[in-house]
Protein backbone atom coordinates (compact mmCIF):
# COMPACT_ATOMS: atom_id res chain seq x y z
CA MET A 1 -13.27 8.99 -7.27
CA SER A 2 -14.73 6.27 -5.10
CA VAL A 3 -17.99 6.16 -3.18
CA ARG A 4 -17.66 5.68 0.56
CA ASN A 5 -20.21 3.57 2.42
CA ASN A 6 -21.35 5.45 5.50
CA GLU A 7 -23.85 2.93 6.84
CA ASP A 8 -21.52 1.37 9.39
CA ARG A 9 -20.66 4.81 10.75
CA LEU A 10 -24.24 5.74 11.58
CA GLY A 11 -25.13 5.66 15.25
CA SER A 12 -21.54 5.09 16.39
CA LYS A 13 -19.56 7.33 18.73
CA GLU A 14 -17.02 7.88 15.95
CA SER A 15 -19.83 9.17 13.75
CA SER A 16 -21.10 11.58 16.39
CA ASP A 17 -17.60 13.01 16.90
CA SER A 18 -16.92 13.31 13.16
CA THR A 19 -16.74 16.66 11.40
CA LEU A 20 -18.83 15.18 8.58
CA GLU A 21 -22.03 17.17 8.20
CA GLN A 22 -24.65 14.41 8.43
CA GLU A 23 -27.67 15.32 6.35
CA VAL A 24 -30.15 13.29 8.36
CA MET A 25 -33.85 13.65 7.66
CA ASN A 26 -36.60 12.32 9.91
CA SER A 27 -40.30 12.02 9.28
CA GLY A 28 -43.28 10.60 11.11
CA ALA A 29 -42.69 7.36 9.22
CA GLY A 30 -39.18 7.11 10.70
CA LEU A 31 -37.33 7.87 7.44
CA SER A 32 -33.63 8.59 8.01
CA PHE A 33 -30.48 8.53 5.91
CA ALA A 34 -27.01 10.07 5.65
CA THR A 35 -25.64 11.70 2.52
CA PRO A 36 -23.02 9.45 0.85
CA THR A 37 -19.47 10.70 0.31
CA GLU A 38 -16.81 10.42 -2.39
CA ILE A 39 -13.05 10.05 -2.09
CA VAL A 40 -11.49 12.43 -4.63
CA GLU A 41 -7.85 12.21 -5.74
CA ILE A 42 -6.20 15.62 -5.94
CA PRO A 43 -3.55 16.36 -8.59
CA SER A 44 -0.99 17.84 -6.16
CA LYS A 45 -0.98 14.62 -4.09
CA GLY A 46 -0.41 16.97 -1.15
CA ARG A 47 3.22 17.57 -2.19
CA TYR A 48 3.06 21.36 -2.28
CA TYR A 49 1.26 22.09 0.98
CA PRO A 50 3.39 23.20 3.95
CA LYS A 51 3.68 21.22 7.15
CA GLY A 52 0.68 21.90 9.34
CA HIS A 53 -1.73 22.17 6.42
CA PRO A 54 -4.38 19.42 6.60
CA LEU A 55 -3.52 18.34 3.03
CA HIS A 56 0.25 18.10 3.59
CA ASN A 57 1.28 14.87 1.82
CA GLN A 58 -2.38 13.81 1.49
CA ASP A 59 -3.43 12.64 -1.96
CA THR A 60 -7.21 12.48 -1.50
CA VAL A 61 -10.06 14.60 -0.12
CA GLU A 62 -13.41 13.27 1.02
CA ILE A 63 -16.48 15.21 -0.09
CA ARG A 64 -20.15 14.53 0.45
CA TYR A 65 -22.67 14.52 -2.35
CA MET A 66 -24.32 17.82 -3.24
CA THR A 67 -27.77 18.38 -1.77
CA ALA A 68 -30.71 20.68 -2.46
CA LYS A 69 -29.34 23.02 0.23
CA ASP A 70 -26.10 23.31 -1.75
CA GLU A 71 -28.11 24.36 -4.80
CA ASP A 72 -29.30 27.35 -2.77
CA ILE A 73 -25.66 28.46 -2.55
CA LEU A 74 -25.21 28.19 -6.31
CA THR A 75 -28.30 30.34 -6.92
CA SER A 76 -27.53 32.98 -4.28
CA GLN A 77 -27.19 36.26 -6.19
CA SER A 78 -25.26 37.78 -3.29
CA LEU A 79 -22.65 35.01 -3.26
CA LEU A 80 -22.43 34.94 -7.05
CA LYS A 81 -21.90 38.71 -7.22
CA LYS A 82 -19.09 38.48 -4.65
CA GLY A 83 -17.52 35.48 -6.39
CA LEU A 84 -17.95 33.35 -3.25
CA ALA A 85 -20.44 30.73 -4.45
CA LEU A 86 -17.96 27.99 -5.39
CA ASP A 87 -15.85 28.50 -2.25
CA ARG A 88 -18.96 28.31 -0.09
CA LEU A 89 -20.07 25.17 -1.92
CA LEU A 90 -16.70 23.49 -1.35
CA GLN A 91 -16.72 24.58 2.27
CA ASN A 92 -20.02 22.76 2.65
CA VAL A 93 -19.18 19.54 0.83
CA ILE A 94 -15.60 18.94 2.07
CA VAL A 95 -15.86 16.54 5.00
CA ASP A 96 -12.72 17.70 6.83
CA LYS A 97 -13.72 21.19 7.99
CA SER A 98 -10.10 22.10 8.77
CA ILE A 99 -9.55 22.33 4.99
CA ARG A 100 -10.34 25.87 3.89
CA PRO A 101 -11.26 26.29 0.19
CA GLU A 102 -9.19 29.49 -0.10
CA SER A 103 -6.06 27.56 0.97
CA LEU A 104 -6.43 24.97 -1.80
CA LEU A 105 -4.03 25.00 -4.72
CA LEU A 106 -5.96 25.98 -7.84
CA GLY A 107 -5.55 22.59 -9.51
CA ASP A 108 -6.84 20.76 -6.44
CA LYS A 109 -9.74 23.19 -6.19
CA ASN A 110 -10.63 22.54 -9.84
CA ALA A 111 -10.61 18.78 -9.24
CA LEU A 112 -12.98 19.12 -6.26
CA VAL A 113 -15.32 21.45 -8.15
CA VAL A 114 -15.65 18.94 -11.01
CA ALA A 115 -16.15 16.08 -8.54
CA ALA A 116 -18.86 18.04 -6.69
CA ARG A 117 -20.63 18.76 -9.98
CA ILE A 118 -20.65 15.05 -10.84
CA THR A 119 -22.18 14.13 -7.47
CA GLY A 120 -24.87 16.77 -7.92
CA TYR A 121 -25.88 16.43 -11.57
CA GLY A 122 -24.07 13.42 -12.99
CA SER A 123 -21.15 13.24 -15.39
CA ASP A 124 -22.99 14.22 -18.59
CA TYR A 125 -22.19 17.81 -19.54
CA ASP A 126 -23.63 19.41 -22.67
CA ALA A 127 -21.57 22.40 -23.82
CA ASN A 128 -21.16 24.57 -26.88
CA VAL A 129 -17.78 24.22 -28.61
CA THR A 130 -16.19 25.94 -31.60
CA CYS A 131 -14.34 24.04 -34.30
CA PRO A 132 -10.74 25.37 -34.66
CA ASP A 133 -10.82 24.62 -38.40
CA CYS A 134 -14.14 25.92 -39.73
CA GLU A 135 -15.13 27.99 -36.64
CA ALA A 136 -18.59 26.41 -36.57
CA SER A 137 -20.27 26.27 -33.17
CA PHE A 138 -22.12 23.14 -32.10
CA ASN A 139 -23.22 21.34 -28.95
CA HIS A 140 -21.24 18.37 -27.69
CA GLU A 141 -22.01 16.10 -24.75
CA PHE A 142 -18.96 15.37 -22.59
CA ASP A 143 -18.64 12.63 -20.00
CA LEU A 144 -16.78 14.35 -17.15
CA VAL A 145 -15.74 11.06 -15.56
CA GLU A 146 -14.32 9.76 -18.83
CA ILE A 147 -12.43 12.89 -19.88
CA THR A 148 -11.15 14.27 -16.57
CA GLU A 149 -7.50 13.33 -16.12
CA LEU A 150 -5.05 14.46 -13.47
CA ASN A 151 -1.89 16.32 -14.45
CA TYR A 152 0.50 15.92 -11.52
CA GLY A 153 2.95 18.55 -12.78
CA ASN A 154 6.38 17.96 -14.27
CA PRO A 155 9.10 19.99 -12.46
CA GLU A 156 11.74 17.55 -13.76
CA LYS A 157 11.35 19.13 -17.21
CA TYR A 158 13.29 22.20 -16.05
CA ASP A 159 16.51 22.88 -14.17
CA ILE A 160 14.75 24.12 -11.05
CA GLN A 161 15.08 23.54 -7.33
CA ILE A 162 12.12 22.69 -5.09
CA THR A 163 12.49 24.17 -1.61
CA GLU A 164 11.31 22.95 1.80
CA ASN A 165 8.63 25.67 1.60
CA ARG A 166 7.23 24.02 -1.55
CA THR A 167 8.42 26.89 -3.73
CA PHE A 168 10.65 26.71 -6.83
CA PHE A 169 13.99 28.41 -7.58
CA LEU A 170 14.81 29.03 -11.24
CA LYS A 171 17.19 31.19 -13.22
CA LEU A 172 15.77 33.48 -15.90
CA PRO A 173 17.28 32.84 -19.35
CA ARG A 174 17.71 36.45 -20.51
CA SER A 175 18.48 38.49 -17.37
CA ASP A 176 20.17 35.60 -15.50
CA VAL A 177 18.30 36.59 -12.33
CA LYS A 178 17.53 33.83 -9.82
CA ILE A 179 13.91 34.00 -8.73
CA GLU A 180 11.62 32.03 -6.45
CA ILE A 181 8.02 31.28 -7.46
CA LYS A 182 5.08 29.64 -5.72
CA LEU A 183 1.90 27.86 -6.80
CA LEU A 184 -1.26 29.95 -6.49
CA THR A 185 -4.06 29.17 -4.08
CA GLY A 186 -7.71 30.14 -4.17
CA ALA A 187 -6.89 33.13 -1.94
CA ASP A 188 -4.24 34.32 -4.42
CA GLU A 189 -6.66 34.00 -7.33
CA LYS A 190 -9.25 36.00 -5.42
CA LYS A 191 -6.75 38.83 -4.82
CA ILE A 192 -5.89 38.93 -8.53
CA THR A 193 -9.59 39.11 -9.44
CA GLU A 194 -10.27 41.85 -6.86
CA LEU A 195 -7.31 43.87 -8.15
CA SER A 196 -8.65 43.61 -11.70
CA GLU A 197 -12.10 44.75 -10.53
CA ARG A 198 -10.64 47.74 -8.69
CA LYS A 199 -8.71 48.79 -11.78
CA LYS A 200 -11.85 48.49 -13.87
CA LYS A 201 -13.84 50.69 -11.48
CA MET A 202 -11.06 53.29 -11.38
CA LYS A 203 -10.72 53.08 -15.18
CA LEU A 204 -7.06 52.11 -14.89
CA PRO A 205 -5.30 50.04 -17.56
CA GLN A 206 -5.45 46.29 -17.02
CA ALA A 207 -2.17 44.37 -16.56
CA ALA A 208 -3.32 40.77 -16.21
CA LEU A 209 0.01 39.13 -17.05
CA SER A 210 2.06 41.41 -14.79
CA ASP A 211 -0.41 41.09 -11.92
CA ARG A 212 -0.21 37.31 -12.13
CA LEU A 213 3.59 37.46 -12.12
CA ARG A 214 3.43 39.60 -8.98
CA ALA A 215 1.33 36.91 -7.33
CA ILE A 216 3.63 34.09 -8.44
CA ILE A 217 7.08 35.57 -7.72
CA VAL A 218 8.17 35.27 -4.08
CA SER A 219 11.72 36.60 -4.29
CA ALA A 220 14.46 37.65 -6.71
CA GLU A 221 18.12 37.18 -5.77
CA GLY A 222 16.93 36.87 -2.18
CA GLU A 223 14.99 40.16 -2.25
CA THR A 224 11.35 39.93 -1.16
CA GLY A 225 10.33 43.61 -0.96
CA ASP A 226 7.38 44.67 -3.11
CA SER A 227 9.17 47.71 -4.55
CA LYS A 228 12.13 45.69 -5.84
CA LEU A 229 9.95 42.87 -7.16
CA ASN A 230 7.67 45.37 -8.92
CA MET A 231 10.71 47.01 -10.52
CA LEU A 232 11.93 43.60 -11.70
CA ILE A 233 8.55 42.73 -13.22
CA ASP A 234 8.08 46.14 -14.87
CA HIS A 235 11.47 45.88 -16.61
CA MET A 236 11.52 42.12 -17.20
CA PRO A 237 12.37 41.00 -20.75
CA ALA A 238 9.47 39.31 -22.49
CA MET A 239 11.55 36.12 -22.87
CA ASP A 240 11.93 35.86 -19.09
CA ALA A 241 8.23 36.50 -18.48
CA ARG A 242 7.29 33.80 -20.97
CA TYR A 243 9.77 31.40 -19.36
CA ILE A 244 8.15 31.91 -15.94
CA ARG A 245 4.70 31.23 -17.39
CA ASP A 246 5.98 28.08 -19.15
CA VAL A 247 7.63 26.77 -15.99
CA TYR A 248 4.56 27.54 -13.89
CA SER A 249 2.16 25.78 -16.27
CA ASN A 250 4.37 22.67 -16.30
CA VAL A 251 5.05 22.40 -12.56
CA SER A 252 1.51 23.26 -11.48
CA PRO A 253 -0.65 20.18 -10.80
CA ASP A 254 -4.16 20.46 -12.24
CA ILE A 255 -6.91 18.56 -14.00
CA ASP A 256 -6.68 18.03 -17.75
CA LEU A 257 -9.97 18.85 -19.43
CA THR A 258 -8.82 18.56 -23.04
CA HIS A 259 -10.80 16.20 -25.24
CA THR A 260 -10.73 15.12 -28.87
CA ILE A 261 -13.97 15.79 -30.74
CA GLU A 262 -15.18 15.56 -34.33
CA CYS A 263 -16.76 18.65 -35.85
CA SER A 264 -20.37 18.04 -36.85
CA GLU A 265 -20.00 20.55 -39.72
CA CYS A 266 -16.68 19.89 -41.46
CA GLY A 267 -15.82 16.49 -39.99
CA SER A 268 -12.34 17.53 -38.80
CA THR A 269 -10.96 16.08 -35.55
CA ASN A 270 -9.40 18.41 -33.02
CA GLU A 271 -8.42 18.52 -29.36
CA VAL A 272 -10.39 21.18 -27.47
CA ASN A 273 -10.57 22.41 -23.90
CA VAL A 274 -13.87 21.53 -22.28
CA PRO A 275 -15.57 24.92 -21.75
CA LEU A 276 -16.72 25.43 -18.16
CA ALA A 277 -19.68 27.61 -19.05
CA ALA A 278 -22.52 28.89 -16.86
CA ASN A 279 -24.50 25.68 -17.30
CA PHE A 280 -21.67 23.63 -15.73
CA PHE A 281 -23.51 23.83 -12.40
CA TRP A 282 -26.89 24.71 -13.86
CA PRO A 283 -27.60 22.06 -16.51
CA GLY A 284 -30.79 22.81 -18.40
């Protein structure tokens, strides 16, 4: 991430026409300033957005620093209950208002959320972790700038074809069926979450893995109908389902939040995933 100097844009015609939300404050003493912005690299590098999307082939997104007004979003019980708080926050801080948070690939969204957190509260993040060896729980302070790495995805690892629509064709190892999969966006993730909530309210059995496969798979042997895709997923061999998940996790660009820590109890060294707990946006 790099800080962008906005001073030379203030008062210019370009600045007045910009979509950047200028947080300008004025007082009787003549105090005025504009919120600084950050240039954030996104893990997809814009490769998997279709033509016409504002991030098509764009490898960075400009965000402005979090403000006190943005904290109101993060403490809104209504937005939190609806699961909209983070999307609304990103909508506020992304400079280019043609970029909709729900259209972001999940890995890019994660990168922007971490970047926004750093601008608001700094890079120090104190979280509770559990030692894989002795299972002791202890607090560890992470430096989000130091540990956050970009994983650009590795489609070359598999014999798959990337289409013009930014989807992937692959052949399943057990059933030999040729399927097409896509990368999930924020909107897709929201639908999966809403489906899970509906099942919970109706006391229906959860099917998290199958529901995610339904969101990922676009076609099978050229068939795109829901009934045929559902039949495929319901009768899919476990080996094929695992293969799809492995391919997806390797081709999907994201941020890498794994970090090596030493257990304060037993002294063992292990690689752990940085837990994004409730205090990620509410330190202290």
